[in-house]
Amino acid sequence: SDDIYNYVYIDTFGKGKQLAAKECENLIRHQVGADYYSAISTSELLLRMVGNLLNIGKRG
């Protein structure tokens, strides 16, 4: 099943803590749809990581 509630999500910023979909929503304080949890490509992942690193650099 593709139901988002049947999966466990890994919080990479929370020391690898395993979360249910509802816990993810509580963490970001926002209810989201199934499309929010969809898989991304390797290039999309790298772009997000670079963006995060650039934002961290701007804050520091």
PDB file of N, CA and C in Angstrom:
ATOM      1  N   SER A   1       0.843  -1.195   0.000  1.00  0.00           N
ATOM      2  CA  SER A   1       0.000   0.000   0.000  1.00  0.00           C
ATOM      3  C   SER A   1       0.881   1.249   0.000  1.00  0.00           C
ATOM      4  N   ASP A   2       0.394   2.300  -0.639  1.00  0.00           N
ATOM      5  CA  ASP A   2       1.128   3.563  -0.681  1.00  0.00           C
ATOM      6  C   ASP A   2       0.656   4.527   0.400  1.00  0.00           C
ATOM      7  N   ASP A   3      -0.076   4.037   1.371  1.00  0.00           N
ATOM      8  CA  ASP A   3      -0.574   4.875   2.453  1.00  0.00           C
ATOM      9  C   ASP A   3       0.608   5.379   3.285  1.00  0.00           C
ATOM     10  N   ILE A   4       0.714   6.704   3.430  1.00  0.00           N
ATOM     11  CA  ILE A   4       1.848   7.298   4.157  1.00  0.00           C
ATOM     12  C   ILE A   4       1.915   6.846   5.609  1.00  0.00           C
ATOM     13  N   TYR A   5       0.801   6.373   6.137  1.00  0.00           N
ATOM     14  CA  TYR A   5       0.768   5.959   7.536  1.00  0.00           C
ATOM     15  C   TYR A   5       1.291   4.539   7.739  1.00  0.00           C
ATOM     16  N   ASN A   6       1.645   3.849   6.661  1.00  0.00           N
ATOM     17  CA  ASN A   6       2.197   2.497   6.756  1.00  0.00           C
ATOM     18  C   ASN A   6       3.725   2.485   6.753  1.00  0.00           C
ATOM     19  N   TYR A   7       4.347   3.642   6.777  1.00  0.00           N
ATOM     20  CA  TYR A   7       5.802   3.732   6.690  1.00  0.00           C
ATOM     21  C   TYR A   7       6.397   4.299   7.972  1.00  0.00           C
ATOM     22  N   VAL A   8       7.686   4.054   8.146  1.00  0.00           N
ATOM     23  CA  VAL A   8       8.463   4.667   9.216  1.00  0.00           C
ATOM     24  C   VAL A   8       9.413   5.642   8.545  1.00  0.00           C
ATOM     25  N   TYR A   9       9.515   6.842   9.090  1.00  0.00           N
ATOM     26  CA  TYR A   9      10.372   7.881   8.529  1.00  0.00           C
ATOM     27  C   TYR A   9      11.544   8.118   9.473  1.00  0.00           C
ATOM     28  N   ILE A  10      12.694   8.426   8.897  1.00  0.00           N
ATOM     29  CA  ILE A  10      13.912   8.633   9.673  1.00  0.00           C
ATOM     30  C   ILE A  10      14.188  10.129   9.780  1.00  0.00           C
ATOM     31  N   ASP A  11      14.311  10.617  11.006  1.00  0.00           N
ATOM     32  CA  ASP A  11      14.627  12.023  11.249  1.00  0.00           C
ATOM     33  C   ASP A  11      16.146  12.179  11.225  1.00  0.00           C
ATOM     34  N   THR A  12      16.664  12.606  10.095  1.00  0.00           N
ATOM     35  CA  THR A  12      18.117  12.723   9.945  1.00  0.00           C
ATOM     36  C   THR A  12      18.710  13.826  10.814  1.00  0.00           C
ATOM     37  N   PHE A  13      17.875  14.780  11.241  1.00  0.00           N
ATOM     38  CA  PHE A  13      18.360  15.847  12.111  1.00  0.00           C
ATOM     39  C   PHE A  13      18.107  15.516  13.579  1.00  0.00           C
ATOM     40  N   GLY A  14      17.400  14.434  13.839  1.00  0.00           N
ATOM     41  CA  GLY A  14      17.081  14.010  15.200  1.00  0.00           C
ATOM     42  C   GLY A  14      17.761  12.713  15.572  1.00  0.00           C
ATOM     43  N   LYS A  15      19.021  12.574  15.186  1.00  0.00           N
ATOM     44  CA  LYS A  15      19.843  11.404  15.518  1.00  0.00           C
ATOM     45  C   LYS A  15      19.244  10.101  15.001  1.00  0.00           C
ATOM     46  N   GLY A  16      18.565  10.171  13.863  1.00  0.00           N
ATOM     47  CA  GLY A  16      18.033   8.965  13.241  1.00  0.00           C
ATOM     48  C   GLY A  16      16.782   8.413  13.887  1.00  0.00           C
ATOM     49  N   LYS A  17      16.119   9.226  14.685  1.00  0.00           N
ATOM     50  CA  LYS A  17      14.898   8.776  15.360  1.00  0.00           C
ATOM     51  C   LYS A  17      13.860   8.336  14.329  1.00  0.00           C
ATOM     52  N   GLN A  18      13.183   7.222  14.605  1.00  0.00           N
ATOM     53  CA  GLN A  18      12.146   6.719  13.711  1.00  0.00           C
ATOM     54  C   GLN A  18      10.821   7.380  14.069  1.00  0.00           C
ATOM     55  N   LEU A  19      10.135   7.897  13.045  1.00  0.00           N
ATOM     56  CA  LEU A  19       8.887   8.625  13.253  1.00  0.00           C
ATOM     57  C   LEU A  19       7.768   8.070  12.387  1.00  0.00           C
ATOM     58  N   ALA A  20       6.552   8.145  12.890  1.00  0.00           N
ATOM     59  CA  ALA A  20       5.361   7.871  12.093  1.00  0.00           C
ATOM     60  C   ALA A  20       4.990   9.164  11.372  1.00  0.00           C
ATOM     61  N   ALA A  21       4.145   9.076  10.366  1.00  0.00           N
ATOM     62  CA  ALA A  21       3.755  10.259   9.586  1.00  0.00           C
ATOM     63  C   ALA A  21       3.177  11.353  10.483  1.00  0.00           C
ATOM     64  N   LYS A  22       2.333  10.984  11.437  1.00  0.00           N
ATOM     65  CA  LYS A  22       1.737  11.980  12.337  1.00  0.00           C
ATOM     66  C   LYS A  22       2.810  12.678  13.168  1.00  0.00           C
ATOM     67  N   GLU A  23       3.826  11.935  13.579  1.00  0.00           N
ATOM     68  CA  GLU A  23       4.915  12.536  14.349  1.00  0.00           C
ATOM     69  C   GLU A  23       5.697  13.524  13.491  1.00  0.00           C
ATOM     70  N   CYS A  24       5.849  13.224  12.211  1.00  0.00           N
ATOM     71  CA  CYS A  24       6.511  14.158  11.288  1.00  0.00           C
ATOM     72  C   CYS A  24       5.717  15.450  11.203  1.00  0.00           C
ATOM     73  N   GLU A  25       4.404  15.323  11.071  1.00  0.00           N
ATOM     74  CA  GLU A  25       3.546  16.502  10.987  1.00  0.00           C
ATOM     75  C   GLU A  25       3.620  17.315  12.272  1.00  0.00           C
ATOM     76  N   ASN A  26       3.629  16.639  13.412  1.00  0.00           N
ATOM     77  CA  ASN A  26       3.745  17.344  14.690  1.00  0.00           C
ATOM     78  C   ASN A  26       5.085  18.063  14.798  1.00  0.00           C
ATOM     79  N   LEU A  27       6.129  17.444  14.278  1.00  0.00           N
ATOM     80  CA  LEU A  27       7.469  18.023  14.328  1.00  0.00           C
ATOM     81  C   LEU A  27       7.542  19.340  13.558  1.00  0.00           C
ATOM     82  N   ILE A  28       6.902  19.383  12.387  1.00  0.00           N
ATOM     83  CA  ILE A  28       6.944  20.610  11.581  1.00  0.00           C
ATOM     84  C   ILE A  28       5.742  21.515  11.836  1.00  0.00           C
ATOM     85  N   ARG A  29       4.857  21.074  12.729  1.00  0.00           N
ATOM     86  CA  ARG A  29       3.659  21.841  13.109  1.00  0.00           C
ATOM     87  C   ARG A  29       2.794  22.197  11.905  1.00  0.00           C
ATOM     88  N   HIS A  30       2.645  21.200  11.015  1.00  0.00           N
ATOM     89  CA  HIS A  30       1.865  21.439   9.799  1.00  0.00           C
ATOM     90  C   HIS A  30       1.363  20.106   9.263  1.00  0.00           C
ATOM     91  N   GLN A  31       0.071  20.032   8.967  1.00  0.00           N
ATOM     92  CA  GLN A  31      -0.472  18.818   8.368  1.00  0.00           C
ATOM     93  C   GLN A  31      -0.211  18.863   6.866  1.00  0.00           C
ATOM     94  N   VAL A  32       0.271  17.759   6.309  1.00  0.00           N
ATOM     95  CA  VAL A  32       0.631  17.708   4.892  1.00  0.00           C
ATOM     96  C   VAL A  32      -0.049  16.525   4.218  1.00  0.00           C
ATOM     97  N   GLY A  33      -0.063  16.557   2.896  1.00  0.00           N
ATOM     98  CA  GLY A  33      -0.650  15.477   2.118  1.00  0.00           C
ATOM     99  C   GLY A  33       0.373  14.422   1.754  1.00  0.00           C
ATOM    100  N   ALA A  34      -0.106  13.359   1.129  1.00  0.00           N
ATOM    101  CA  ALA A  34       0.753  12.231   0.758  1.00  0.00           C
ATOM    102  C   ALA A  34       1.874  12.651  -0.181  1.00  0.00           C
ATOM    103  N   ASP A  35       1.639  13.651  -1.034  1.00  0.00           N
ATOM    104  CA  ASP A  35       2.669  14.084  -1.982  1.00  0.00           C
ATOM    105  C   ASP A  35       3.906  14.636  -1.272  1.00  0.00           C
ATOM    106  N   TYR A  36       3.726  15.135  -0.057  1.00  0.00           N
ATOM    107  CA  TYR A  36       4.845  15.658   0.726  1.00  0.00           C
ATOM    108  C   TYR A  36       5.844  14.553   1.070  1.00  0.00           C
ATOM    109  N   TYR A  37       5.357  13.326   1.175  1.00  0.00           N
ATOM    110  CA  TYR A  37       6.180  12.189   1.572  1.00  0.00           C
ATOM    111  C   TYR A  37       6.722  11.405   0.387  1.00  0.00           C
ATOM    112  N   SER A  38       6.463  11.852  -0.810  1.00  0.00           N
ATOM    113  CA  SER A  38       6.866  11.084  -1.989  1.00  0.00           C
ATOM    114  C   SER A  38       8.390  11.027  -2.119  1.00  0.00           C
ATOM    115  N   ALA A  39       8.855   9.980  -2.759  1.00  0.00           N
ATOM    116  CA  ALA A  39      10.295   9.792  -2.962  1.00  0.00           C
ATOM    117  C   ALA A  39      10.842  10.857  -3.905  1.00  0.00           C
ATOM    118  N   ILE A  40      12.111  11.172  -3.737  1.00  0.00           N
ATOM    119  CA  ILE A  40      12.766  12.132  -4.624  1.00  0.00           C
ATOM    120  C   ILE A  40      13.976  11.462  -5.264  1.00  0.00           C
ATOM    121  N   SER A  41      14.432  12.054  -6.346  1.00  0.00           N
ATOM    122  CA  SER A  41      15.594  11.503  -7.050  1.00  0.00           C
ATOM    123  C   SER A  41      16.882  11.887  -6.315  1.00  0.00           C
ATOM    124  N   THR A  42      17.960  11.244  -6.685  1.00  0.00           N
ATOM    125  CA  THR A  42      19.264  11.542  -6.096  1.00  0.00           C
ATOM    126  C   THR A  42      19.652  12.994  -6.338  1.00  0.00           C
ATOM    127  N   SER A  43      19.403  13.496  -7.547  1.00  0.00           N
ATOM    128  CA  SER A  43      19.767  14.886  -7.846  1.00  0.00           C
ATOM    129  C   SER A  43      18.923  15.861  -7.027  1.00  0.00           C
ATOM    130  N   GLU A  44      17.650  15.545  -6.812  1.00  0.00           N
ATOM    131  CA  GLU A  44      16.816  16.412  -5.970  1.00  0.00           C
ATOM    132  C   GLU A  44      17.320  16.408  -4.532  1.00  0.00           C
ATOM    133  N   LEU A  45      17.736  15.248  -4.054  1.00  0.00           N
ATOM    134  CA  LEU A  45      18.282  15.144  -2.707  1.00  0.00           C
ATOM    135  C   LEU A  45      19.543  15.985  -2.569  1.00  0.00           C
ATOM    136  N   LEU A  46      20.434  15.889  -3.542  1.00  0.00           N
ATOM    137  CA  LEU A  46      21.670  16.666  -3.503  1.00  0.00           C
ATOM    138  C   LEU A  46      21.393  18.162  -3.547  1.00  0.00           C
ATOM    139  N   LEU A  47      20.424  18.577  -4.355  1.00  0.00           N
ATOM    140  CA  LEU A  47      20.062  19.995  -4.414  1.00  0.00           C
ATOM    141  C   LEU A  47      19.538  20.487  -3.070  1.00  0.00           C
ATOM    142  N   ARG A  48      18.730  19.685  -2.420  1.00  0.00           N
ATOM    143  CA  ARG A  48      18.213  20.060  -1.097  1.00  0.00           C
ATOM    144  C   ARG A  48      19.345  20.165  -0.087  1.00  0.00           C
ATOM    145  N   MET A  49      20.271  19.205  -0.139  1.00  0.00           N
ATOM    146  CA  MET A  49      21.396  19.222   0.796  1.00  0.00           C
ATOM    147  C   MET A  49      22.269  20.452   0.591  1.00  0.00           C
ATOM    148  N   VAL A  50      22.554  20.780  -0.653  1.00  0.00           N
ATOM    149  CA  VAL A  50      23.362  21.969  -0.954  1.00  0.00           C
ATOM    150  C   VAL A  50      22.638  23.224  -0.471  1.00  0.00           C
ATOM    151  N   GLY A  51      21.343  23.295  -0.724  1.00  0.00           N
ATOM    152  CA  GLY A  51      20.550  24.431  -0.252  1.00  0.00           C
ATOM    153  C   GLY A  51      20.597  24.562   1.258  1.00  0.00           C
ATOM    154  N   ASN A  52      20.479  23.442   1.957  1.00  0.00           N
ATOM    155  CA  ASN A  52      20.555  23.460   3.419  1.00  0.00           C
ATOM    156  C   ASN A  52      21.923  23.933   3.892  1.00  0.00           C
ATOM    157  N   LEU A  53      22.979  23.446   3.261  1.00  0.00           N
ATOM    158  CA  LEU A  53      24.329  23.867   3.645  1.00  0.00           C
ATOM    159  C   LEU A  53      24.554  25.350   3.393  1.00  0.00           C
ATOM    160  N   LEU A  54      24.042  25.851   2.276  1.00  0.00           N
ATOM    161  CA  LEU A  54      24.167  27.284   1.988  1.00  0.00           C
ATOM    162  C   LEU A  54      23.426  28.118   3.030  1.00  0.00           C
ATOM    163  N   ASN A  55      22.249  27.675   3.425  1.00  0.00           N
ATOM    164  CA  ASN A  55      21.488  28.399   4.447  1.00  0.00           C
ATOM    165  C   ASN A  55      22.189  28.376   5.794  1.00  0.00           C
ATOM    166  N   ILE A  56      22.807  27.246   6.124  1.00  0.00           N
ATOM    167  CA  ILE A  56      23.570  27.163   7.372  1.00  0.00           C
ATOM    168  C   ILE A  56      24.742  28.138   7.323  1.00  0.00           C
ATOM    169  N   GLY A  57      25.417  28.218   6.181  1.00  0.00           N
ATOM    170  CA  GLY A  57      26.540  29.137   6.020  1.00  0.00           C
ATOM    171  C   GLY A  57      26.125  30.591   6.153  1.00  0.00           C
ATOM    172  N   LYS A  58      24.947  30.931   5.677  1.00  0.00           N
ATOM    173  CA  LYS A  58      24.450  32.309   5.774  1.00  0.00           C
ATOM    174  C   LYS A  58      24.159  32.693   7.219  1.00  0.00           C
ATOM    175  N   ARG A  59      23.734  31.718   8.017  1.00  0.00           N
ATOM    176  CA  ARG A  59      23.400  31.990   9.418  1.00  0.00           C
ATOM    177  C   ARG A  59      24.649  32.112  10.283  1.00  0.00           C
ATOM    178  N   GLY A  60      25.723  31.418   9.880  1.00  0.00           N
ATOM    179  CA  GLY A  60      26.931  31.348  10.706  1.00  0.00           C
ATOM    180  C   GLY A  60      27.788  32.498  10.518  1.00  0.00           C
TER     181      GLY A  60
END
